[in-house]
Amino acid sequence: SGGGLVQAGESLRLSCTASGLTFDYAMGWFRQLPGKEREAVACVS
């Protein structure tokens, strides 16, 4: 959640929730730019 329209130079915060198991999860953000393949943005252990 948290996507939207912003002006260049401004800020935005995206949120993600993973649920369903008691284990902690490694999590990552990926993005797909127009006309391009999905690429890794960032990840956290």
PDB file of all heavy atoms in Angstrom:
ATOM      1  N   SER A   1       0.841  -1.179   0.000  1.00  0.00           N
ATOM      2  CA  SER A   1       0.000   0.000   0.000  1.00  0.00           C
ATOM      3  C   SER A   1       0.884   1.240   0.000  1.00  0.00           C
ATOM      4  O   SER A   1       2.078   1.158   0.268  1.00  0.00           O
ATOM      5  CB  SER A   1      -0.943   0.025   1.202  1.00  0.00           C
ATOM      6  OG  SER A   1      -0.214   0.094   2.413  1.00  0.00           O
ATOM      7  N   GLY A   2       0.303   2.390  -0.301  1.00  0.00           N
ATOM      8  CA  GLY A   2       1.004   3.652  -0.206  1.00  0.00           C
ATOM      9  C   GLY A   2       1.414   4.280  -1.518  1.00  0.00           C
ATOM     10  O   GLY A   2       1.954   5.392  -1.522  1.00  0.00           O
ATOM     11  N   GLY A   3       1.177   3.603  -2.632  1.00  0.00           N
ATOM     12  CA  GLY A   3       1.521   4.177  -3.919  1.00  0.00           C
ATOM     13  C   GLY A   3       0.647   5.368  -4.251  1.00  0.00           C
ATOM     14  O   GLY A   3      -0.389   5.603  -3.642  1.00  0.00           O
ATOM     15  N   GLY A   4       1.085   6.130  -5.245  1.00  0.00           N
ATOM     16  CA  GLY A   4       0.323   7.294  -5.646  1.00  0.00           C
ATOM     17  C   GLY A   4       1.107   8.180  -6.589  1.00  0.00           C
ATOM     18  O   GLY A   4       2.126   7.782  -7.142  1.00  0.00           O
ATOM     19  N   LEU A   5       0.608   9.402  -6.758  1.00  0.00           N
ATOM     20  CA  LEU A   5       1.207  10.385  -7.649  1.00  0.00           C
ATOM     21  C   LEU A   5       1.959  11.425  -6.839  1.00  0.00           C
ATOM     22  O   LEU A   5       1.410  12.005  -5.894  1.00  0.00           O
ATOM     23  CB  LEU A   5       0.117  11.065  -8.484  1.00  0.00           C
ATOM     24  CG  LEU A   5       0.549  12.217  -9.382  1.00  0.00           C
ATOM     25  CD1 LEU A   5       1.493  11.724 -10.468  1.00  0.00           C
ATOM     26  CD2 LEU A   5      -0.673  12.893  -9.986  1.00  0.00           C
ATOM     27  N   VAL A   6       3.220  11.649  -7.197  1.00  0.00           N
ATOM     28  CA  VAL A   6       4.038  12.647  -6.519  1.00  0.00           C
ATOM     29  C   VAL A   6       4.830  13.446  -7.540  1.00  0.00           C
ATOM     30  O   VAL A   6       5.071  12.992  -8.657  1.00  0.00           O
ATOM     31  CB  VAL A   6       5.008  12.019  -5.495  1.00  0.00           C
ATOM     32  CG1 VAL A   6       4.248  11.425  -4.315  1.00  0.00           C
ATOM     33  CG2 VAL A   6       5.869  10.954  -6.161  1.00  0.00           C
ATOM     34  N   GLN A   7       5.247  14.638  -7.143  1.00  0.00           N
ATOM     35  CA  GLN A   7       6.098  15.471  -7.975  1.00  0.00           C
ATOM     36  C   GLN A   7       7.554  15.061  -7.818  1.00  0.00           C
ATOM     37  O   GLN A   7       7.966  14.565  -6.770  1.00  0.00           O
ATOM     38  CB  GLN A   7       5.940  16.943  -7.598  1.00  0.00           C
ATOM     39  CG  GLN A   7       4.572  17.537  -7.868  1.00  0.00           C
ATOM     40  CD  GLN A   7       4.393  17.947  -9.311  1.00  0.00           C
ATOM     41  OE1 GLN A   7       5.333  17.927 -10.102  1.00  0.00           O
ATOM     42  NE2 GLN A   7       3.179  18.332  -9.659  1.00  0.00           N
ATOM     43  N   ALA A   8       8.339  15.258  -8.851  1.00  0.00           N
ATOM     44  CA  ALA A   8       9.766  14.996  -8.775  1.00  0.00           C
ATOM     45  C   ALA A   8      10.379  15.773  -7.622  1.00  0.00           C
ATOM     46  O   ALA A   8      10.061  16.944  -7.404  1.00  0.00           O
ATOM     47  CB  ALA A   8      10.446  15.368 -10.091  1.00  0.00           C
ATOM     48  N   GLY A   9      11.248  15.101  -6.871  1.00  0.00           N
ATOM     49  CA  GLY A   9      11.897  15.707  -5.729  1.00  0.00           C
ATOM     50  C   GLY A   9      11.163  15.510  -4.421  1.00  0.00           C
ATOM     51  O   GLY A   9      11.732  15.781  -3.357  1.00  0.00           O
ATOM     52  N   GLU A  10       9.925  15.057  -4.477  1.00  0.00           N
ATOM     53  CA  GLU A  10       9.149  14.839  -3.269  1.00  0.00           C
ATOM     54  C   GLU A  10       9.361  13.429  -2.727  1.00  0.00           C
ATOM     55  O   GLU A  10      10.200  12.675  -3.225  1.00  0.00           O
ATOM     56  CB  GLU A  10       7.672  15.115  -3.541  1.00  0.00           C
ATOM     57  CG  GLU A  10       7.394  16.565  -3.893  1.00  0.00           C
ATOM     58  CD  GLU A  10       5.928  16.847  -4.107  1.00  0.00           C
ATOM     59  OE1 GLU A  10       5.145  15.884  -4.260  1.00  0.00           O
ATOM     60  OE2 GLU A  10       5.550  18.033  -4.120  1.00  0.00           O
ATOM     61  N   SER A  11       8.599  13.073  -1.696  1.00  0.00           N
ATOM     62  CA  SER A  11       8.776  11.804  -1.005  1.00  0.00           C
ATOM     63  C   SER A  11       7.493  11.005  -0.966  1.00  0.00           C
ATOM     64  O   SER A  11       6.391  11.553  -1.064  1.00  0.00           O
ATOM     65  CB  SER A  11       9.272  12.039   0.428  1.00  0.00           C
ATOM     66  OG  SER A  11      10.543  12.661   0.447  1.00  0.00           O
ATOM     67  N   LEU A  12       7.654   9.701  -0.783  1.00  0.00           N
ATOM     68  CA  LEU A  12       6.538   8.778  -0.696  1.00  0.00           C
ATOM     69  C   LEU A  12       6.975   7.590   0.152  1.00  0.00           C
ATOM     70  O   LEU A  12       8.150   7.210   0.126  1.00  0.00           O
ATOM     71  CB  LEU A  12       6.133   8.304  -2.091  1.00  0.00           C
ATOM     72  CG  LEU A  12       4.814   7.555  -2.261  1.00  0.00           C
ATOM     73  CD1 LEU A  12       3.643   8.507  -2.044  1.00  0.00           C
ATOM     74  CD2 LEU A  12       4.746   6.939  -3.649  1.00  0.00           C
ATOM     75  N   ARG A  13       6.058   7.016   0.909  1.00  0.00           N
ATOM     76  CA  ARG A  13       6.368   5.826   1.690  1.00  0.00           C
ATOM     77  C   ARG A  13       5.435   4.689   1.326  1.00  0.00           C
ATOM     78  O   ARG A  13       4.213   4.832   1.386  1.00  0.00           O
ATOM     79  CB  ARG A  13       6.285   6.095   3.193  1.00  0.00           C
ATOM     80  CG  ARG A  13       6.829   4.922   4.025  1.00  0.00           C
ATOM     81  CD  ARG A  13       6.759   5.161   5.510  1.00  0.00           C
ATOM     82  NE  ARG A  13       5.406   5.008   6.029  1.00  0.00           N
ATOM     83  CZ  ARG A  13       5.114   4.837   7.310  1.00  0.00           C
ATOM     84  NH1 ARG A  13       6.087   4.812   8.214  1.00  0.00           N
ATOM     85  NH2 ARG A  13       3.856   4.731   7.695  1.00  0.00           N
ATOM     86  N   LEU A  14       6.016   3.558   0.962  1.00  0.00           N
ATOM     87  CA  LEU A  14       5.267   2.355   0.675  1.00  0.00           C
ATOM     88  C   LEU A  14       5.310   1.423   1.880  1.00  0.00           C
ATOM     89  O   LEU A  14       6.308   1.364   2.592  1.00  0.00           O
ATOM     90  CB  LEU A  14       5.833   1.630  -0.542  1.00  0.00           C
ATOM     91  CG  LEU A  14       6.006   2.446  -1.826  1.00  0.00           C
ATOM     92  CD1 LEU A  14       6.544   1.555  -2.937  1.00  0.00           C
ATOM     93  CD2 LEU A  14       4.693   3.095  -2.229  1.00  0.00           C
ATOM     94  N   SER A  15       4.229   0.686   2.088  1.00  0.00           N
ATOM     95  CA  SER A  15       4.153  -0.267   3.178  1.00  0.00           C
ATOM     96  C   SER A  15       3.828  -1.649   2.629  1.00  0.00           C
ATOM     97  O   SER A  15       3.168  -1.782   1.601  1.00  0.00           O
ATOM     98  CB  SER A  15       3.084   0.138   4.197  1.00  0.00           C
ATOM     99  OG  SER A  15       3.363   1.400   4.753  1.00  0.00           O
ATOM    100  N   CYS A  16       4.289  -2.676   3.342  1.00  0.00           N
ATOM    101  CA  CYS A  16       4.015  -4.049   2.963  1.00  0.00           C
ATOM    102  C   CYS A  16       3.849  -4.884   4.216  1.00  0.00           C
ATOM    103  O   CYS A  16       4.636  -4.762   5.158  1.00  0.00           O
ATOM    104  CB  CYS A  16       5.145  -4.611   2.101  1.00  0.00           C
ATOM    105  SG  CYS A  16       4.994  -6.378   1.732  1.00  0.00           S
ATOM    106  N   THR A  17       2.848  -5.743   4.205  1.00  0.00           N
ATOM    107  CA  THR A  17       2.611  -6.646   5.317  1.00  0.00           C
ATOM    108  C   THR A  17       2.594  -8.082   4.822  1.00  0.00           C
ATOM    109  O   THR A  17       1.918  -8.397   3.840  1.00  0.00           O
ATOM    110  CB  THR A  17       1.283  -6.328   6.020  1.00  0.00           C
ATOM    111  OG1 THR A  17       1.311  -4.996   6.531  1.00  0.00           O
ATOM    112  CG2 THR A  17       1.049  -7.291   7.169  1.00  0.00           C
ATOM    113  N   ALA A  18       3.350  -8.948   5.488  1.00  0.00           N
ATOM    114  CA  ALA A  18       3.335 -10.383   5.234  1.00  0.00           C
ATOM    115  C   ALA A  18       2.803 -11.073   6.476  1.00  0.00           C
ATOM    116  O   ALA A  18       3.315 -10.869   7.572  1.00  0.00           O
ATOM    117  CB  ALA A  18       4.725 -10.901   4.882  1.00  0.00           C
ATOM    118  N   SER A  19       1.785 -11.893   6.301  1.00  0.00           N
ATOM    119  CA  SER A  19       1.156 -12.543   7.439  1.00  0.00           C
ATOM    120  C   SER A  19       0.798 -13.985   7.107  1.00  0.00           C
ATOM    121  O   SER A  19       0.757 -14.372   5.943  1.00  0.00           O
ATOM    122  CB  SER A  19      -0.100 -11.784   7.867  1.00  0.00           C
ATOM    123  OG  SER A  19      -1.053 -11.758   6.821  1.00  0.00           O
ATOM    124  N   GLY A  20       0.537 -14.780   8.145  1.00  0.00           N
ATOM    125  CA  GLY A  20       0.087 -16.146   7.954  1.00  0.00           C
ATOM    126  C   GLY A  20       0.947 -17.213   8.607  1.00  0.00           C
ATOM    127  O   GLY A  20       0.480 -18.343   8.777  1.00  0.00           O
ATOM    128  N   LEU A  21       2.196 -16.882   8.979  1.00  0.00           N
ATOM    129  CA  LEU A  21       3.095 -17.810   9.640  1.00  0.00           C
ATOM    130  C   LEU A  21       3.765 -17.123  10.821  1.00  0.00           C
ATOM    131  O   LEU A  21       3.861 -15.897  10.861  1.00  0.00           O
ATOM    132  CB  LEU A  21       4.158 -18.352   8.684  1.00  0.00           C
ATOM    133  CG  LEU A  21       3.681 -19.248   7.542  1.00  0.00           C
ATOM    134  CD1 LEU A  21       4.850 -19.594   6.627  1.00  0.00           C
ATOM    135  CD2 LEU A  21       3.039 -20.513   8.077  1.00  0.00           C
ATOM    136  N   THR A  22       4.259 -17.925  11.762  1.00  0.00           N
ATOM    137  CA  THR A  22       4.917 -17.367  12.934  1.00  0.00           C
ATOM    138  C   THR A  22       6.371 -16.989  12.676  1.00  0.00           C
ATOM    139  O   THR A  22       6.936 -16.207  13.432  1.00  0.00           O
ATOM    140  CB  THR A  22       4.859 -18.348  14.106  1.00  0.00           C
ATOM    141  OG1 THR A  22       5.471 -19.589  13.728  1.00  0.00           O
ATOM    142  CG2 THR A  22       3.415 -18.616  14.507  1.00  0.00           C
ATOM    143  N   PHE A  23       6.985 -17.541  11.628  1.00  0.00           N
ATOM    144  CA  PHE A  23       8.366 -17.211  11.300  1.00  0.00           C
ATOM    145  C   PHE A  23       8.468 -15.786  10.778  1.00  0.00           C
ATOM    146  O   PHE A  23       7.552 -15.289  10.123  1.00  0.00           O
ATOM    147  CB  PHE A  23       8.920 -18.171  10.247  1.00  0.00           C
ATOM    148  CG  PHE A  23       9.088 -19.576  10.713  1.00  0.00           C
ATOM    149  CD1 PHE A  23       8.191 -20.555  10.333  1.00  0.00           C
ATOM    150  CD2 PHE A  23      10.152 -19.935  11.522  1.00  0.00           C
ATOM    151  CE1 PHE A  23       8.341 -21.860  10.759  1.00  0.00           C
ATOM    152  CE2 PHE A  23      10.317 -21.239  11.952  1.00  0.00           C
ATOM    153  CZ  PHE A  23       9.409 -22.208  11.569  1.00  0.00           C
ATOM    154  N   ASP A  24       9.588 -15.138  11.050  1.00  0.00           N
ATOM    155  CA  ASP A  24       9.902 -13.874  10.413  1.00  0.00           C
ATOM    156  C   ASP A  24      10.310 -14.124   8.967  1.00  0.00           C
ATOM    157  O   ASP A  24      10.794 -15.194   8.623  1.00  0.00           O
ATOM    158  CB  ASP A  24      11.019 -13.144  11.148  1.00  0.00           C
ATOM    159  CG  ASP A  24      10.571 -12.589  12.486  1.00  0.00           C
ATOM    160  OD1 ASP A  24       9.423 -12.129  12.586  1.00  0.00           O
ATOM    161  OD2 ASP A  24      11.378 -12.619  13.432  1.00  0.00           O
ATOM    162  N   TYR A  25      10.123 -13.112   8.138  1.00  0.00           N
ATOM    163  CA  TYR A  25      10.389 -13.241   6.719  1.00  0.00           C
ATOM    164  C   TYR A  25      11.468 -12.276   6.251  1.00  0.00           C
ATOM    165  O   TYR A  25      11.511 -11.123   6.690  1.00  0.00           O
ATOM    166  CB  TYR A  25       9.125 -12.966   5.895  1.00  0.00           C
ATOM    167  CG  TYR A  25       7.965 -13.861   6.221  1.00  0.00           C
ATOM    168  CD1 TYR A  25       6.845 -13.355   6.860  1.00  0.00           C
ATOM    169  CD2 TYR A  25       7.986 -15.199   5.871  1.00  0.00           C
ATOM    170  CE1 TYR A  25       5.777 -14.176   7.154  1.00  0.00           C
ATOM    171  CE2 TYR A  25       6.915 -16.028   6.165  1.00  0.00           C
ATOM    172  CZ  TYR A  25       5.817 -15.512   6.806  1.00  0.00           C
ATOM    173  OH  TYR A  25       4.751 -16.333   7.093  1.00  0.00           O
ATOM    174  N   ALA A  26      12.327 -12.759   5.362  1.00  0.00           N
ATOM    175  CA  ALA A  26      13.112 -11.849   4.559  1.00  0.00           C
ATOM    176  C   ALA A  26      12.157 -11.205   3.560  1.00  0.00           C
ATOM    177  O   ALA A  26      11.281 -11.875   3.010  1.00  0.00           O
ATOM    178  CB  ALA A  26      14.226 -12.587   3.826  1.00  0.00           C
ATOM    179  N   MET A  27      12.314  -9.916   3.328  1.00  0.00           N
ATOM    180  CA  MET A  27      11.375  -9.216   2.464  1.00  0.00           C
ATOM    181  C   MET A  27      12.125  -8.321   1.488  1.00  0.00           C
ATOM    182  O   MET A  27      13.212  -7.835   1.789  1.00  0.00           O
ATOM    183  CB  MET A  27      10.390  -8.389   3.294  1.00  0.00           C
ATOM    184  CG  MET A  27       9.616  -9.221   4.303  1.00  0.00           C
ATOM    185  SD  MET A  27       8.486  -8.270   5.347  1.00  0.00           S
ATOM    186  CE  MET A  27       7.147  -7.965   4.186  1.00  0.00           C
ATOM    187  N   GLY A  28      11.523  -8.124   0.331  1.00  0.00           N
ATOM    188  CA  GLY A  28      12.160  -7.307  -0.686  1.00  0.00           C
ATOM    189  C   GLY A  28      11.159  -6.491  -1.480  1.00  0.00           C
ATOM    190  O   GLY A  28       9.982  -6.844  -1.583  1.00  0.00           O
ATOM    191  N   TRP A  29      11.639  -5.381  -2.016  1.00  0.00           N
ATOM    192  CA  TRP A  29      10.871  -4.551  -2.936  1.00  0.00           C
ATOM    193  C   TRP A  29      11.443  -4.725  -4.338  1.00  0.00           C
ATOM    194  O   TRP A  29      12.662  -4.654  -4.535  1.00  0.00           O
ATOM    195  CB  TRP A  29      10.924  -3.075  -2.553  1.00  0.00           C
ATOM    196  CG  TRP A  29      10.113  -2.718  -1.351  1.00  0.00           C
ATOM    197  CD1 TRP A  29      10.566  -2.494  -0.089  1.00  0.00           C
ATOM    198  CD2 TRP A  29       8.700  -2.512  -1.314  1.00  0.00           C
ATOM    199  NE1 TRP A  29       9.530  -2.176   0.738  1.00  0.00           N
ATOM    200  CE2 TRP A  29       8.366  -2.175   0.019  1.00  0.00           C
ATOM    201  CE3 TRP A  29       7.686  -2.576  -2.262  1.00  0.00           C
ATOM    202  CZ2 TRP A  29       7.056  -1.910   0.412  1.00  0.00           C
ATOM    203  CZ3 TRP A  29       6.383  -2.320  -1.870  1.00  0.00           C
ATOM    204  CH2 TRP A  29       6.078  -1.990  -0.545  1.00  0.00           C
ATOM    205  N   PHE A  30      10.556  -4.939  -5.280  1.00  0.00           N
ATOM    206  CA  PHE A  30      10.897  -5.013  -6.690  1.00  0.00           C
ATOM    207  C   PHE A  30      10.010  -4.025  -7.438  1.00  0.00           C
ATOM    208  O   PHE A  30       8.973  -3.612  -6.941  1.00  0.00           O
ATOM    209  CB  PHE A  30      10.697  -6.427  -7.235  1.00  0.00           C
ATOM    210  CG  PHE A  30      11.563  -7.462  -6.566  1.00  0.00           C
ATOM    211  CD1 PHE A  30      11.212  -7.986  -5.329  1.00  0.00           C
ATOM    212  CD2 PHE A  30      12.734  -7.903  -7.162  1.00  0.00           C
ATOM    213  CE1 PHE A  30      12.009  -8.931  -4.700  1.00  0.00           C
ATOM    214  CE2 PHE A  30      13.540  -8.847  -6.544  1.00  0.00           C
ATOM    215  CZ  PHE A  30      13.178  -9.357  -5.314  1.00  0.00           C
ATOM    216  N   ARG A  31      10.430  -3.641  -8.615  1.00  0.00           N
ATOM    217  CA  ARG A  31       9.599  -2.743  -9.405  1.00  0.00           C
ATOM    218  C   ARG A  31       9.693  -3.107 -10.876  1.00  0.00           C
ATOM    219  O   ARG A  31      10.688  -3.672 -11.335  1.00  0.00           O
ATOM    220  CB  ARG A  31       9.992  -1.276  -9.197  1.00  0.00           C
ATOM    221  CG  ARG A  31      11.351  -0.884  -9.764  1.00  0.00           C
ATOM    222  CD  ARG A  31      11.674   0.559  -9.410  1.00  0.00           C
ATOM    223  NE  ARG A  31      12.934   0.993  -9.985  1.00  0.00           N
ATOM    224  CZ  ARG A  31      13.497   2.171  -9.763  1.00  0.00           C
ATOM    225  NH1 ARG A  31      12.899   3.047  -8.955  1.00  0.00           N
ATOM    226  NH2 ARG A  31      14.654   2.479 -10.332  1.00  0.00           N
ATOM    227  N   GLN A  32       8.636  -2.773 -11.596  1.00  0.00           N
ATOM    228  CA  GLN A  32       8.588  -2.967 -13.025  1.00  0.00           C
ATOM    229  C   GLN A  32       8.349  -1.608 -13.672  1.00  0.00           C
ATOM    230  O   GLN A  32       7.269  -1.036 -13.551  1.00  0.00           O
ATOM    231  CB  GLN A  32       7.498  -3.956 -13.425  1.00  0.00           C
ATOM    232  CG  GLN A  32       7.529  -4.331 -14.888  1.00  0.00           C
ATOM    233  CD  GLN A  32       6.630  -5.518 -15.199  1.00  0.00           C
ATOM    234  OE1 GLN A  32       5.782  -5.894 -14.391  1.00  0.00           O
ATOM    235  NE2 GLN A  32       6.819  -6.104 -16.360  1.00  0.00           N
ATOM    236  N   LEU A  33       9.371  -1.102 -14.335  1.00  0.00           N
ATOM    237  CA  LEU A  33       9.262   0.171 -15.023  1.00  0.00           C
ATOM    238  C   LEU A  33       8.627  -0.050 -16.391  1.00  0.00           C
ATOM    239  O   LEU A  33       8.695  -1.148 -16.941  1.00  0.00           O
ATOM    240  CB  LEU A  33      10.642   0.818 -15.170  1.00  0.00           C
ATOM    241  CG  LEU A  33      11.446   0.964 -13.878  1.00  0.00           C
ATOM    242  CD1 LEU A  33      12.779   1.633 -14.154  1.00  0.00           C
ATOM    243  CD2 LEU A  33      10.660   1.763 -12.842  1.00  0.00           C
ATOM    244  N   PRO A  34       8.001   0.989 -16.962  1.00  0.00           N
ATOM    245  CA  PRO A  34       7.334   0.827 -18.256  1.00  0.00           C
ATOM    246  C   PRO A  34       8.275   0.275 -19.319  1.00  0.00           C
ATOM    247  O   PRO A  34       9.367   0.806 -19.536  1.00  0.00           O
ATOM    248  CB  PRO A  34       6.887   2.249 -18.601  1.00  0.00           C
ATOM    249  CG  PRO A  34       6.724   2.917 -17.274  1.00  0.00           C
ATOM    250  CD  PRO A  34       7.822   2.337 -16.411  1.00  0.00           C
ATOM    251  N   GLY A  35       7.853  -0.804 -19.951  1.00  0.00           N
ATOM    252  CA  GLY A  35       8.625  -1.405 -21.015  1.00  0.00           C
ATOM    253  C   GLY A  35       9.836  -2.192 -20.581  1.00  0.00           C
ATOM    254  O   GLY A  35      10.626  -2.612 -21.434  1.00  0.00           O
ATOM    255  N   LYS A  36      10.002  -2.411 -19.276  1.00  0.00           N
ATOM    256  CA  LYS A  36      11.170  -3.111 -18.779  1.00  0.00           C
ATOM    257  C   LYS A  36      10.784  -4.297 -17.910  1.00  0.00           C
ATOM    258  O   LYS A  36       9.651  -4.410 -17.454  1.00  0.00           O
ATOM    259  CB  LYS A  36      12.068  -2.156 -17.983  1.00  0.00           C
ATOM    260  CG  LYS A  36      12.639  -1.010 -18.803  1.00  0.00           C
ATOM    261  CD  LYS A  36      13.574  -0.153 -17.977  1.00  0.00           C
ATOM    262  CE  LYS A  36      14.170   0.967 -18.804  1.00  0.00           C
ATOM    263  NZ  LYS A  36      15.094   1.805 -17.996  1.00  0.00           N
ATOM    264  N   GLU A  37      11.753  -5.183 -17.683  1.00  0.00           N
ATOM    265  CA  GLU A  37      11.535  -6.334 -16.824  1.00  0.00           C
ATOM    266  C   GLU A  37      11.567  -5.923 -15.355  1.00  0.00           C
ATOM    267  O   GLU A  37      12.112  -4.882 -14.991  1.00  0.00           O
ATOM    268  CB  GLU A  37      12.591  -7.397 -17.090  1.00  0.00           C
ATOM    269  CG  GLU A  37      12.557  -7.980 -18.497  1.00  0.00           C
ATOM    270  CD  GLU A  37      11.297  -8.760 -18.755  1.00  0.00           C
ATOM    271  OE1 GLU A  37      10.850  -9.502 -17.854  1.00  0.00           O
ATOM    272  OE2 GLU A  37      10.742  -8.636 -19.860  1.00  0.00           O
ATOM    273  N   ARG A  38      10.983  -6.759 -14.531  1.00  0.00           N
ATOM    274  CA  ARG A  38      10.994  -6.515 -13.103  1.00  0.00           C
ATOM    275  C   ARG A  38      12.428  -6.503 -12.578  1.00  0.00           C
ATOM    276  O   ARG A  38      13.247  -7.333 -12.962  1.00  0.00           O
ATOM    277  CB  ARG A  38      10.176  -7.592 -12.393  1.00  0.00           C
ATOM    278  CG  ARG A  38      10.024  -7.395 -10.899  1.00  0.00           C
ATOM    279  CD  ARG A  38       9.211  -8.525 -10.287  1.00  0.00           C
ATOM    280  NE  ARG A  38       7.856  -8.554 -10.816  1.00  0.00           N
ATOM    281  CZ  ARG A  38       6.952  -9.478 -10.507  1.00  0.00           C
ATOM    282  NH1 ARG A  38       7.263 -10.456  -9.669  1.00  0.00           N
ATOM    283  NH2 ARG A  38       5.742  -9.427 -11.043  1.00  0.00           N
ATOM    284  N   GLU A  39      12.731  -5.563 -11.696  1.00  0.00           N
ATOM    285  CA  GLU A  39      14.060  -5.422 -11.155  1.00  0.00           C
ATOM    286  C   GLU A  39      14.015  -5.264  -9.643  1.00  0.00           C
ATOM    287  O   GLU A  39      13.041  -4.778  -9.074  1.00  0.00           O
ATOM    288  CB  GLU A  39      14.780  -4.219 -11.773  1.00  0.00           C
ATOM    289  CG  GLU A  39      14.127  -2.891 -11.452  1.00  0.00           C
ATOM    290  CD  GLU A  39      14.818  -1.716 -12.125  1.00  0.00           C
ATOM    291  OE1 GLU A  39      15.474  -1.933 -13.162  1.00  0.00           O
ATOM    292  OE2 GLU A  39      14.704  -0.581 -11.612  1.00  0.00           O
ATOM    293  N   ALA A  40      15.097  -5.681  -8.993  1.00  0.00           N
ATOM    294  CA  ALA A  40      15.196  -5.543  -7.547  1.00  0.00           C
ATOM    295  C   ALA A  40      15.454  -4.092  -7.174  1.00  0.00           C
ATOM    296  O   ALA A  40      16.251  -3.403  -7.815  1.00  0.00           O
ATOM    297  CB  ALA A  40      16.308  -6.434  -7.005  1.00  0.00           C
ATOM    298  N   VAL A  41      14.784  -3.628  -6.140  1.00  0.00           N
ATOM    299  CA  VAL A  41      14.956  -2.272  -5.627  1.00  0.00           C
ATOM    300  C   VAL A  41      15.729  -2.291  -4.316  1.00  0.00           C
ATOM    301  O   VAL A  41      16.721  -1.585  -4.156  1.00  0.00           O
ATOM    302  CB  VAL A  41      13.601  -1.576  -5.430  1.00  0.00           C
ATOM    303  CG1 VAL A  41      13.785  -0.191  -4.816  1.00  0.00           C
ATOM    304  CG2 VAL A  41      12.852  -1.485  -6.750  1.00  0.00           C
ATOM    305  N   ALA A  42      15.266  -3.097  -3.366  1.00  0.00           N
ATOM    306  CA  ALA A  42      15.890  -3.189  -2.055  1.00  0.00           C
ATOM    307  C   ALA A  42      15.384  -4.430  -1.355  1.00  0.00           C
ATOM    308  O   ALA A  42      14.321  -4.955  -1.691  1.00  0.00           O
ATOM    309  CB  ALA A  42      15.594  -1.943  -1.213  1.00  0.00           C
ATOM    310  N   CYS A  43      16.133  -4.906  -0.375  1.00  0.00           N
ATOM    311  CA  CYS A  43      15.664  -6.016   0.431  1.00  0.00           C
ATOM    312  C   CYS A  43      16.185  -5.876   1.842  1.00  0.00           C
ATOM    313  O   CYS A  43      17.155  -5.164   2.092  1.00  0.00           O
ATOM    314  CB  CYS A  43      16.052  -7.380  -0.172  1.00  0.00           C
ATOM    315  SG  CYS A  43      17.781  -7.875   0.037  1.00  0.00           S
ATOM    316  N   VAL A  44      15.533  -6.577   2.761  1.00  0.00           N
ATOM    317  CA  VAL A  44      15.924  -6.564   4.163  1.00  0.00           C
ATOM    318  C   VAL A  44      15.841  -7.985   4.702  1.00  0.00           C
ATOM    319  O   VAL A  44      14.904  -8.732   4.386  1.00  0.00           O
ATOM    320  CB  VAL A  44      15.041  -5.590   4.982  1.00  0.00           C
ATOM    321  CG1 VAL A  44      13.561  -5.957   4.864  1.00  0.00           C
ATOM    322  CG2 VAL A  44      15.473  -5.558   6.441  1.00  0.00           C
ATOM    323  N   SER A  45      16.836  -8.382   5.500  1.00  0.00           N
ATOM    324  CA  SER A  45      16.875  -9.723   6.064  1.00  0.00           C
ATOM    325  C   SER A  45      15.745  -9.930   7.065  1.00  0.00           C
ATOM    326  O   SER A  45      15.117  -8.972   7.530  1.00  0.00           O
ATOM    327  CB  SER A  45      18.224  -9.965   6.742  1.00  0.00           C
ATOM    328  OG  SER A  45      18.402  -9.100   7.848  1.00  0.00           O
TER     329      SER A  45
END
